[in-house]
Amino acid sequence: MTPHTSEHTRRQILLCVAGLTLQIITETLYALTQQRGERVDEIRVITTLGGRDRIRQALLDSPHGKFFAFCRDYHIDPASITFDETTITLLRSPDGRMLPDIRSVEDNTFAANQICEIVRELSLDPQTSLHASAAEGRKTMSIYLTAAV
């Protein structure tokens, strides 16, 4: 951080890998906002096709999804945190096919490359602070995110 940059002007991104157990996203959001007093401006999630469908249903179904319930419970304006379809990255094969799951060595290679590239891109901006949660998703996804960070 440069001397002229304050933490308040930095964009705070929570980056998660996710599978089908999505409560880790709101649990990490709780740890950051309620326990550590951090601001989160955006939630990014790296997932598979099945994970995306679960995120839509369980977290982003306005106003009943768990993300909106979390915001109500902790008096956070949900509009203050960018978290929607645009912040979900689906893992894909090189030919653009969305991965329904990560099951093969080839799928793992695709996932590793994409996770590393996402972390690289998000880390390029010196005005961004990145909080990574590697507690969900396939174990290999967690390892790739940890290594990329």
N, C-alpha and C. Protein backbone atom coordinates (compact mmCIF):
# COMPACT_ATOMS: atom_id res chain seq x y z
N MET A 1 0.85 -1.18 0.00
CA MET A 1 0.00 0.00 0.00
C MET A 1 0.88 1.23 0.00
N THR A 2 0.59 2.19 -0.87
CA THR A 2 1.37 3.42 -0.92
C THR A 2 0.91 4.34 0.19
N PRO A 3 1.74 5.31 0.58
CA PRO A 3 1.36 6.22 1.67
C PRO A 3 0.11 7.02 1.37
N HIS A 4 -0.24 7.19 0.10
CA HIS A 4 -1.41 8.00 -0.26
C HIS A 4 -2.68 7.18 -0.41
N THR A 5 -2.59 5.90 -0.16
CA THR A 5 -3.75 5.02 -0.32
C THR A 5 -4.29 4.64 1.06
N SER A 6 -5.57 4.85 1.25
CA SER A 6 -6.18 4.43 2.51
C SER A 6 -6.90 3.12 2.29
N GLU A 7 -7.08 2.36 3.36
CA GLU A 7 -7.78 1.09 3.26
C GLU A 7 -9.21 1.30 2.78
N HIS A 8 -9.80 2.46 3.10
CA HIS A 8 -11.19 2.69 2.73
C HIS A 8 -11.36 2.85 1.22
N THR A 9 -10.34 3.36 0.53
CA THR A 9 -10.47 3.55 -0.91
C THR A 9 -10.12 2.30 -1.70
N ARG A 10 -9.51 1.35 -1.05
CA ARG A 10 -9.17 0.10 -1.72
C ARG A 10 -10.42 -0.74 -1.91
N ARG A 11 -10.52 -1.39 -3.03
CA ARG A 11 -11.63 -2.30 -3.29
C ARG A 11 -11.34 -3.61 -2.57
N GLN A 12 -12.28 -4.05 -1.75
CA GLN A 12 -12.13 -5.26 -0.95
C GLN A 12 -12.92 -6.38 -1.60
N ILE A 13 -12.22 -7.40 -2.09
CA ILE A 13 -12.88 -8.51 -2.78
C ILE A 13 -12.70 -9.79 -1.96
N LEU A 14 -13.81 -10.49 -1.77
CA LEU A 14 -13.78 -11.83 -1.19
C LEU A 14 -13.86 -12.80 -2.36
N LEU A 15 -12.82 -13.62 -2.52
CA LEU A 15 -12.76 -14.61 -3.59
C LEU A 15 -12.90 -15.99 -2.97
N CYS A 16 -13.90 -16.74 -3.43
CA CYS A 16 -14.16 -18.08 -2.89
C CYS A 16 -14.18 -19.11 -4.01
N VAL A 17 -13.71 -20.30 -3.69
CA VAL A 17 -14.00 -21.45 -4.54
C VAL A 17 -15.18 -22.14 -3.87
N ALA A 18 -16.11 -22.63 -4.68
CA ALA A 18 -17.32 -23.21 -4.09
C ALA A 18 -17.78 -24.42 -4.88
N GLY A 19 -18.33 -25.35 -4.14
CA GLY A 19 -18.96 -26.53 -4.72
C GLY A 19 -20.44 -26.47 -4.40
N LEU A 20 -20.89 -27.39 -3.60
CA LEU A 20 -22.32 -27.46 -3.28
C LEU A 20 -22.65 -27.06 -1.85
N THR A 21 -21.65 -26.90 -0.99
CA THR A 21 -21.87 -26.49 0.39
C THR A 21 -21.55 -25.01 0.47
N LEU A 22 -22.56 -24.19 0.32
CA LEU A 22 -22.33 -22.76 0.09
C LEU A 22 -22.28 -21.90 1.34
N GLN A 23 -22.61 -22.46 2.51
CA GLN A 23 -22.64 -21.61 3.70
C GLN A 23 -21.27 -21.03 4.02
N ILE A 24 -20.21 -21.61 3.48
CA ILE A 24 -18.88 -21.08 3.74
C ILE A 24 -18.76 -19.65 3.21
N ILE A 25 -19.51 -19.31 2.19
CA ILE A 25 -19.45 -17.95 1.65
C ILE A 25 -19.99 -16.97 2.68
N THR A 26 -21.16 -17.24 3.24
CA THR A 26 -21.70 -16.32 4.24
C THR A 26 -20.93 -16.41 5.55
N GLU A 27 -20.37 -17.58 5.87
CA GLU A 27 -19.55 -17.69 7.08
C GLU A 27 -18.28 -16.85 6.96
N THR A 28 -17.67 -16.86 5.79
CA THR A 28 -16.47 -16.04 5.58
C THR A 28 -16.84 -14.57 5.57
N LEU A 29 -17.97 -14.24 4.97
CA LEU A 29 -18.46 -12.86 4.98
C LEU A 29 -18.69 -12.39 6.42
N TYR A 30 -19.24 -13.27 7.25
CA TYR A 30 -19.43 -12.97 8.67
C TYR A 30 -18.09 -12.71 9.36
N ALA A 31 -17.14 -13.59 9.14
CA ALA A 31 -15.82 -13.44 9.78
C ALA A 31 -15.18 -12.11 9.38
N LEU A 32 -15.28 -11.76 8.12
CA LEU A 32 -14.66 -10.50 7.67
C LEU A 32 -15.40 -9.28 8.18
N THR A 33 -16.72 -9.26 8.01
CA THR A 33 -17.47 -8.03 8.33
C THR A 33 -17.80 -7.89 9.81
N GLN A 34 -18.12 -8.99 10.47
CA GLN A 34 -18.58 -8.90 11.86
C GLN A 34 -17.46 -9.14 12.87
N GLN A 35 -16.58 -10.07 12.61
CA GLN A 35 -15.52 -10.36 13.56
C GLN A 35 -14.30 -9.47 13.36
N ARG A 36 -13.96 -9.19 12.10
CA ARG A 36 -12.76 -8.39 11.84
C ARG A 36 -13.06 -6.94 11.50
N GLY A 37 -14.33 -6.61 11.30
CA GLY A 37 -14.70 -5.23 10.99
C GLY A 37 -14.27 -4.77 9.60
N GLU A 38 -14.07 -5.71 8.69
CA GLU A 38 -13.64 -5.38 7.33
C GLU A 38 -14.86 -5.06 6.47
N ARG A 39 -14.64 -4.27 5.48
CA ARG A 39 -15.66 -3.98 4.48
C ARG A 39 -15.44 -4.96 3.33
N VAL A 40 -16.49 -5.48 2.75
CA VAL A 40 -16.40 -6.31 1.55
C VAL A 40 -17.21 -5.61 0.47
N ASP A 41 -16.56 -5.28 -0.63
CA ASP A 41 -17.22 -4.58 -1.73
C ASP A 41 -17.77 -5.52 -2.78
N GLU A 42 -17.16 -6.70 -2.88
CA GLU A 42 -17.53 -7.62 -3.94
C GLU A 42 -17.23 -9.05 -3.51
N ILE A 43 -18.08 -9.96 -3.91
CA ILE A 43 -17.85 -11.39 -3.68
C ILE A 43 -17.71 -12.04 -5.04
N ARG A 44 -16.58 -12.69 -5.24
CA ARG A 44 -16.32 -13.45 -6.47
C ARG A 44 -16.32 -14.93 -6.10
N VAL A 45 -16.93 -15.73 -6.93
CA VAL A 45 -16.97 -17.17 -6.68
C VAL A 45 -16.54 -17.91 -7.93
N ILE A 46 -15.63 -18.85 -7.74
CA ILE A 46 -15.19 -19.75 -8.80
C ILE A 46 -15.85 -21.09 -8.54
N THR A 47 -16.57 -21.61 -9.53
CA THR A 47 -17.34 -22.83 -9.29
C THR A 47 -17.57 -23.60 -10.59
N THR A 48 -18.26 -24.70 -10.46
CA THR A 48 -18.68 -25.51 -11.60
C THR A 48 -20.14 -25.19 -11.92
N LEU A 49 -20.64 -25.82 -12.94
CA LEU A 49 -22.03 -25.60 -13.36
C LEU A 49 -23.01 -25.91 -12.22
N GLY A 50 -22.81 -27.04 -11.54
CA GLY A 50 -23.69 -27.39 -10.42
C GLY A 50 -23.59 -26.39 -9.29
N GLY A 51 -22.40 -25.90 -9.02
CA GLY A 51 -22.22 -24.89 -7.98
C GLY A 51 -22.92 -23.59 -8.31
N ARG A 52 -22.84 -23.18 -9.57
CA ARG A 52 -23.52 -21.95 -9.98
C ARG A 52 -25.02 -22.05 -9.77
N ASP A 53 -25.58 -23.18 -10.14
CA ASP A 53 -27.02 -23.35 -9.98
C ASP A 53 -27.41 -23.29 -8.50
N ARG A 54 -26.60 -23.88 -7.64
CA ARG A 54 -26.86 -23.83 -6.19
C ARG A 54 -26.72 -22.40 -5.66
N ILE A 55 -25.73 -21.66 -6.14
CA ILE A 55 -25.55 -20.27 -5.70
C ILE A 55 -26.77 -19.45 -6.06
N ARG A 56 -27.23 -19.60 -7.29
CA ARG A 56 -28.43 -18.88 -7.71
C ARG A 56 -29.60 -19.17 -6.79
N GLN A 57 -29.82 -20.43 -6.51
CA GLN A 57 -30.97 -20.86 -5.73
C GLN A 57 -30.83 -20.54 -4.24
N ALA A 58 -29.71 -20.88 -3.65
CA ALA A 58 -29.56 -20.78 -2.20
C ALA A 58 -29.13 -19.40 -1.71
N LEU A 59 -28.33 -18.70 -2.49
CA LEU A 59 -27.78 -17.42 -2.02
C LEU A 59 -28.38 -16.20 -2.69
N LEU A 60 -28.58 -16.25 -4.00
CA LEU A 60 -28.92 -15.04 -4.75
C LEU A 60 -30.39 -14.88 -5.09
N ASP A 61 -31.24 -15.78 -4.61
CA ASP A 61 -32.67 -15.65 -4.86
C ASP A 61 -33.22 -14.50 -4.01
N SER A 62 -33.38 -13.34 -4.65
CA SER A 62 -33.84 -12.15 -3.92
C SER A 62 -35.34 -12.23 -3.69
N PRO A 63 -35.80 -11.91 -2.51
CA PRO A 63 -35.11 -11.50 -1.29
C PRO A 63 -34.88 -12.63 -0.29
N HIS A 64 -35.14 -13.87 -0.70
CA HIS A 64 -35.13 -14.98 0.27
C HIS A 64 -33.81 -15.73 0.36
N GLY A 65 -32.88 -15.48 -0.55
CA GLY A 65 -31.60 -16.19 -0.52
C GLY A 65 -30.80 -15.87 0.73
N LYS A 66 -29.89 -16.77 1.06
CA LYS A 66 -29.09 -16.64 2.29
C LYS A 66 -28.22 -15.39 2.29
N PHE A 67 -27.78 -14.92 1.14
CA PHE A 67 -27.00 -13.68 1.09
C PHE A 67 -27.86 -12.51 1.55
N PHE A 68 -29.09 -12.45 1.08
CA PHE A 68 -29.99 -11.35 1.47
C PHE A 68 -30.39 -11.47 2.94
N ALA A 69 -30.59 -12.68 3.41
CA ALA A 69 -30.90 -12.89 4.83
C ALA A 69 -29.72 -12.44 5.69
N PHE A 70 -28.50 -12.78 5.27
CA PHE A 70 -27.30 -12.35 5.99
C PHE A 70 -27.27 -10.81 6.07
N CYS A 71 -27.48 -10.17 4.96
CA CYS A 71 -27.45 -8.70 4.93
C CYS A 71 -28.52 -8.11 5.85
N ARG A 72 -29.71 -8.67 5.84
CA ARG A 72 -30.76 -8.20 6.74
C ARG A 72 -30.35 -8.40 8.20
N ASP A 73 -29.85 -9.59 8.52
CA ASP A 73 -29.48 -9.91 9.90
C ASP A 73 -28.40 -8.99 10.44
N TYR A 74 -27.48 -8.55 9.59
CA TYR A 74 -26.34 -7.75 10.06
C TYR A 74 -26.40 -6.31 9.55
N HIS A 75 -27.57 -5.89 9.11
CA HIS A 75 -27.83 -4.49 8.73
C HIS A 75 -26.83 -3.98 7.70
N ILE A 76 -26.65 -4.80 6.67
CA ILE A 76 -25.79 -4.43 5.55
C ILE A 76 -26.67 -4.24 4.33
N ASP A 77 -26.48 -3.14 3.63
CA ASP A 77 -27.22 -2.92 2.39
C ASP A 77 -26.69 -3.90 1.35
N PRO A 78 -27.53 -4.83 0.86
CA PRO A 78 -27.01 -5.81 -0.11
C PRO A 78 -26.46 -5.15 -1.37
N ALA A 79 -26.95 -3.96 -1.69
CA ALA A 79 -26.44 -3.24 -2.87
C ALA A 79 -25.01 -2.73 -2.66
N SER A 80 -24.54 -2.73 -1.41
CA SER A 80 -23.17 -2.26 -1.14
C SER A 80 -22.14 -3.33 -1.44
N ILE A 81 -22.59 -4.56 -1.69
CA ILE A 81 -21.70 -5.67 -2.01
C ILE A 81 -22.10 -6.22 -3.38
N THR A 82 -21.23 -6.13 -4.34
CA THR A 82 -21.52 -6.68 -5.65
C THR A 82 -21.41 -8.19 -5.57
N PHE A 83 -22.54 -8.85 -5.72
CA PHE A 83 -22.60 -10.31 -5.70
C PHE A 83 -23.80 -10.72 -6.52
N ASP A 84 -23.55 -11.16 -7.73
CA ASP A 84 -24.62 -11.54 -8.64
C ASP A 84 -24.05 -12.47 -9.71
N GLU A 85 -24.81 -12.71 -10.75
CA GLU A 85 -24.38 -13.60 -11.83
C GLU A 85 -23.03 -13.19 -12.41
N THR A 86 -22.77 -11.88 -12.46
CA THR A 86 -21.54 -11.39 -13.08
C THR A 86 -20.30 -11.68 -12.26
N THR A 87 -20.46 -12.01 -10.98
CA THR A 87 -19.29 -12.26 -10.13
C THR A 87 -19.06 -13.76 -9.90
N ILE A 88 -19.79 -14.57 -10.63
CA ILE A 88 -19.61 -16.02 -10.58
C ILE A 88 -18.83 -16.45 -11.82
N THR A 89 -17.70 -17.09 -11.62
CA THR A 89 -16.91 -17.60 -12.74
C THR A 89 -17.07 -19.10 -12.81
N LEU A 90 -17.54 -19.55 -13.96
CA LEU A 90 -17.69 -20.99 -14.20
C LEU A 90 -16.40 -21.54 -14.78
N LEU A 91 -15.94 -22.62 -14.20
CA LEU A 91 -14.77 -23.29 -14.75
C LEU A 91 -15.15 -23.93 -16.08
N ARG A 92 -14.25 -23.82 -17.05
CA ARG A 92 -14.54 -24.30 -18.41
C ARG A 92 -13.37 -25.08 -18.97
N SER A 93 -13.69 -25.89 -19.96
CA SER A 93 -12.66 -26.59 -20.71
C SER A 93 -12.10 -25.61 -21.75
N PRO A 94 -10.96 -25.91 -22.36
CA PRO A 94 -10.40 -25.00 -23.37
C PRO A 94 -11.34 -24.72 -24.54
N ASP A 95 -12.27 -25.64 -24.84
CA ASP A 95 -13.21 -25.41 -25.93
C ASP A 95 -14.45 -24.63 -25.48
N GLY A 96 -14.44 -24.16 -24.22
CA GLY A 96 -15.54 -23.33 -23.72
C GLY A 96 -16.65 -24.09 -23.02
N ARG A 97 -16.57 -25.39 -22.98
CA ARG A 97 -17.60 -26.20 -22.32
C ARG A 97 -17.55 -25.95 -20.81
N MET A 98 -18.72 -25.67 -20.22
CA MET A 98 -18.78 -25.47 -18.77
C MET A 98 -18.59 -26.81 -18.08
N LEU A 99 -17.75 -26.83 -17.06
CA LEU A 99 -17.50 -28.07 -16.34
C LEU A 99 -18.61 -28.32 -15.32
N PRO A 100 -19.33 -29.44 -15.45
CA PRO A 100 -20.36 -29.74 -14.46
C PRO A 100 -19.75 -30.14 -13.11
N ASP A 101 -18.52 -30.64 -13.16
CA ASP A 101 -17.80 -31.07 -11.96
C ASP A 101 -16.33 -31.21 -12.35
N ILE A 102 -15.48 -31.41 -11.37
CA ILE A 102 -14.06 -31.63 -11.62
C ILE A 102 -13.78 -33.07 -11.24
N ARG A 103 -13.63 -33.92 -12.25
CA ARG A 103 -13.52 -35.35 -11.99
C ARG A 103 -12.26 -35.98 -12.56
N SER A 104 -11.68 -35.38 -13.56
CA SER A 104 -10.54 -36.01 -14.23
C SER A 104 -9.28 -35.17 -14.04
N VAL A 105 -8.17 -35.76 -14.39
CA VAL A 105 -6.89 -35.03 -14.36
C VAL A 105 -6.99 -33.83 -15.29
N GLU A 106 -7.60 -34.03 -16.45
CA GLU A 106 -7.76 -32.94 -17.42
C GLU A 106 -8.61 -31.81 -16.82
N ASP A 107 -9.73 -32.14 -16.19
CA ASP A 107 -10.57 -31.12 -15.55
C ASP A 107 -9.77 -30.35 -14.50
N ASN A 108 -8.96 -31.07 -13.73
CA ASN A 108 -8.14 -30.42 -12.71
C ASN A 108 -7.14 -29.46 -13.32
N THR A 109 -6.56 -29.83 -14.43
CA THR A 109 -5.61 -28.94 -15.12
C THR A 109 -6.32 -27.67 -15.57
N PHE A 110 -7.51 -27.82 -16.15
CA PHE A 110 -8.28 -26.64 -16.58
C PHE A 110 -8.58 -25.74 -15.38
N ALA A 111 -9.02 -26.35 -14.28
CA ALA A 111 -9.37 -25.59 -13.08
C ALA A 111 -8.15 -24.85 -12.53
N ALA A 112 -7.02 -25.53 -12.43
CA ALA A 112 -5.80 -24.92 -11.89
C ALA A 112 -5.41 -23.69 -12.71
N ASN A 113 -5.41 -23.83 -14.02
CA ASN A 113 -5.01 -22.71 -14.87
C ASN A 113 -5.96 -21.52 -14.72
N GLN A 114 -7.25 -21.79 -14.67
CA GLN A 114 -8.23 -20.71 -14.56
C GLN A 114 -8.16 -20.02 -13.20
N ILE A 115 -8.03 -20.79 -12.14
CA ILE A 115 -7.95 -20.20 -10.80
C ILE A 115 -6.71 -19.31 -10.69
N CYS A 116 -5.59 -19.79 -11.18
CA CYS A 116 -4.36 -18.98 -11.16
C CYS A 116 -4.53 -17.70 -11.97
N GLU A 117 -5.17 -17.78 -13.11
CA GLU A 117 -5.38 -16.60 -13.95
C GLU A 117 -6.32 -15.59 -13.27
N ILE A 118 -7.35 -16.07 -12.62
CA ILE A 118 -8.28 -15.17 -11.92
C ILE A 118 -7.56 -14.44 -10.79
N VAL A 119 -6.79 -15.16 -10.00
CA VAL A 119 -6.03 -14.52 -8.91
C VAL A 119 -5.04 -13.51 -9.49
N ARG A 120 -4.37 -13.88 -10.58
CA ARG A 120 -3.42 -12.95 -11.21
C ARG A 120 -4.12 -11.67 -11.64
N GLU A 121 -5.24 -11.81 -12.33
CA GLU A 121 -5.98 -10.63 -12.81
C GLU A 121 -6.45 -9.74 -11.66
N LEU A 122 -7.00 -10.34 -10.63
CA LEU A 122 -7.49 -9.55 -9.50
C LEU A 122 -6.35 -8.88 -8.74
N SER A 123 -5.18 -9.49 -8.76
CA SER A 123 -4.03 -8.97 -8.02
C SER A 123 -3.30 -7.87 -8.78
N LEU A 124 -3.60 -7.67 -10.04
CA LEU A 124 -2.91 -6.64 -10.83
C LEU A 124 -3.22 -5.23 -10.35
N ASP A 125 -4.41 -5.01 -9.84
CA ASP A 125 -4.84 -3.68 -9.43
C ASP A 125 -4.31 -3.39 -8.02
N PRO A 126 -3.41 -2.41 -7.89
CA PRO A 126 -2.87 -2.10 -6.56
C PRO A 126 -3.91 -1.51 -5.61
N GLN A 127 -5.08 -1.15 -6.14
CA GLN A 127 -6.15 -0.60 -5.31
C GLN A 127 -7.12 -1.69 -4.85
N THR A 128 -6.74 -2.94 -5.00
CA THR A 128 -7.60 -4.06 -4.62
C THR A 128 -6.94 -4.87 -3.52
N SER A 129 -7.71 -5.17 -2.49
CA SER A 129 -7.30 -6.13 -1.46
C SER A 129 -8.11 -7.39 -1.69
N LEU A 130 -7.43 -8.51 -1.69
CA LEU A 130 -8.07 -9.78 -2.00
C LEU A 130 -8.09 -10.65 -0.75
N HIS A 131 -9.28 -11.07 -0.35
CA HIS A 131 -9.47 -12.03 0.74
C HIS A 131 -9.90 -13.33 0.07
N ALA A 132 -9.16 -14.40 0.30
CA ALA A 132 -9.48 -15.66 -0.36
C ALA A 132 -9.99 -16.68 0.65
N SER A 133 -11.05 -17.38 0.27
CA SER A 133 -11.60 -18.45 1.08
C SER A 133 -11.50 -19.74 0.28
N ALA A 134 -10.66 -20.63 0.77
CA ALA A 134 -10.42 -21.90 0.08
C ALA A 134 -11.04 -23.06 0.85
N ALA A 135 -12.10 -22.79 1.59
CA ALA A 135 -12.67 -23.81 2.48
C ALA A 135 -13.75 -24.66 1.83
N GLU A 136 -14.07 -24.44 0.57
CA GLU A 136 -15.17 -25.17 -0.07
C GLU A 136 -14.75 -25.62 -1.44
N GLY A 137 -15.60 -26.32 -2.11
CA GLY A 137 -15.29 -26.83 -3.44
C GLY A 137 -14.48 -28.11 -3.33
N ARG A 138 -14.12 -28.64 -4.46
CA ARG A 138 -13.25 -29.81 -4.49
C ARG A 138 -11.94 -29.47 -3.80
N LYS A 139 -11.35 -30.43 -3.14
CA LYS A 139 -10.09 -30.18 -2.43
C LYS A 139 -9.04 -29.61 -3.36
N THR A 140 -9.01 -30.10 -4.60
CA THR A 140 -8.02 -29.57 -5.53
C THR A 140 -8.27 -28.09 -5.81
N MET A 141 -9.54 -27.66 -5.87
CA MET A 141 -9.83 -26.24 -6.08
C MET A 141 -9.26 -25.41 -4.95
N SER A 142 -9.42 -25.89 -3.72
CA SER A 142 -8.88 -25.19 -2.55
C SER A 142 -7.37 -25.10 -2.62
N ILE A 143 -6.73 -26.18 -3.02
CA ILE A 143 -5.27 -26.19 -3.12
C ILE A 143 -4.82 -25.21 -4.20
N TYR A 144 -5.49 -25.20 -5.34
CA TYR A 144 -5.10 -24.29 -6.42
C TYR A 144 -5.27 -22.83 -6.00
N LEU A 145 -6.36 -22.52 -5.30
CA LEU A 145 -6.57 -21.14 -4.85
C LEU A 145 -5.49 -20.75 -3.84
N THR A 146 -5.20 -21.62 -2.91
CA THR A 146 -4.18 -21.33 -1.91
C THR A 146 -2.83 -21.11 -2.59
N ALA A 147 -2.47 -21.97 -3.52
CA ALA A 147 -1.18 -21.84 -4.22
C ALA A 147 -1.15 -20.56 -5.05
N ALA A 148 -2.27 -20.22 -5.69
CA ALA A 148 -2.29 -19.02 -6.54
C ALA A 148 -2.13 -17.75 -5.73
N VAL A 149 -2.73 -17.73 -4.56
CA VAL A 149 -2.62 -16.54 -3.70
C VAL A 149 -1.20 -16.41 -3.20
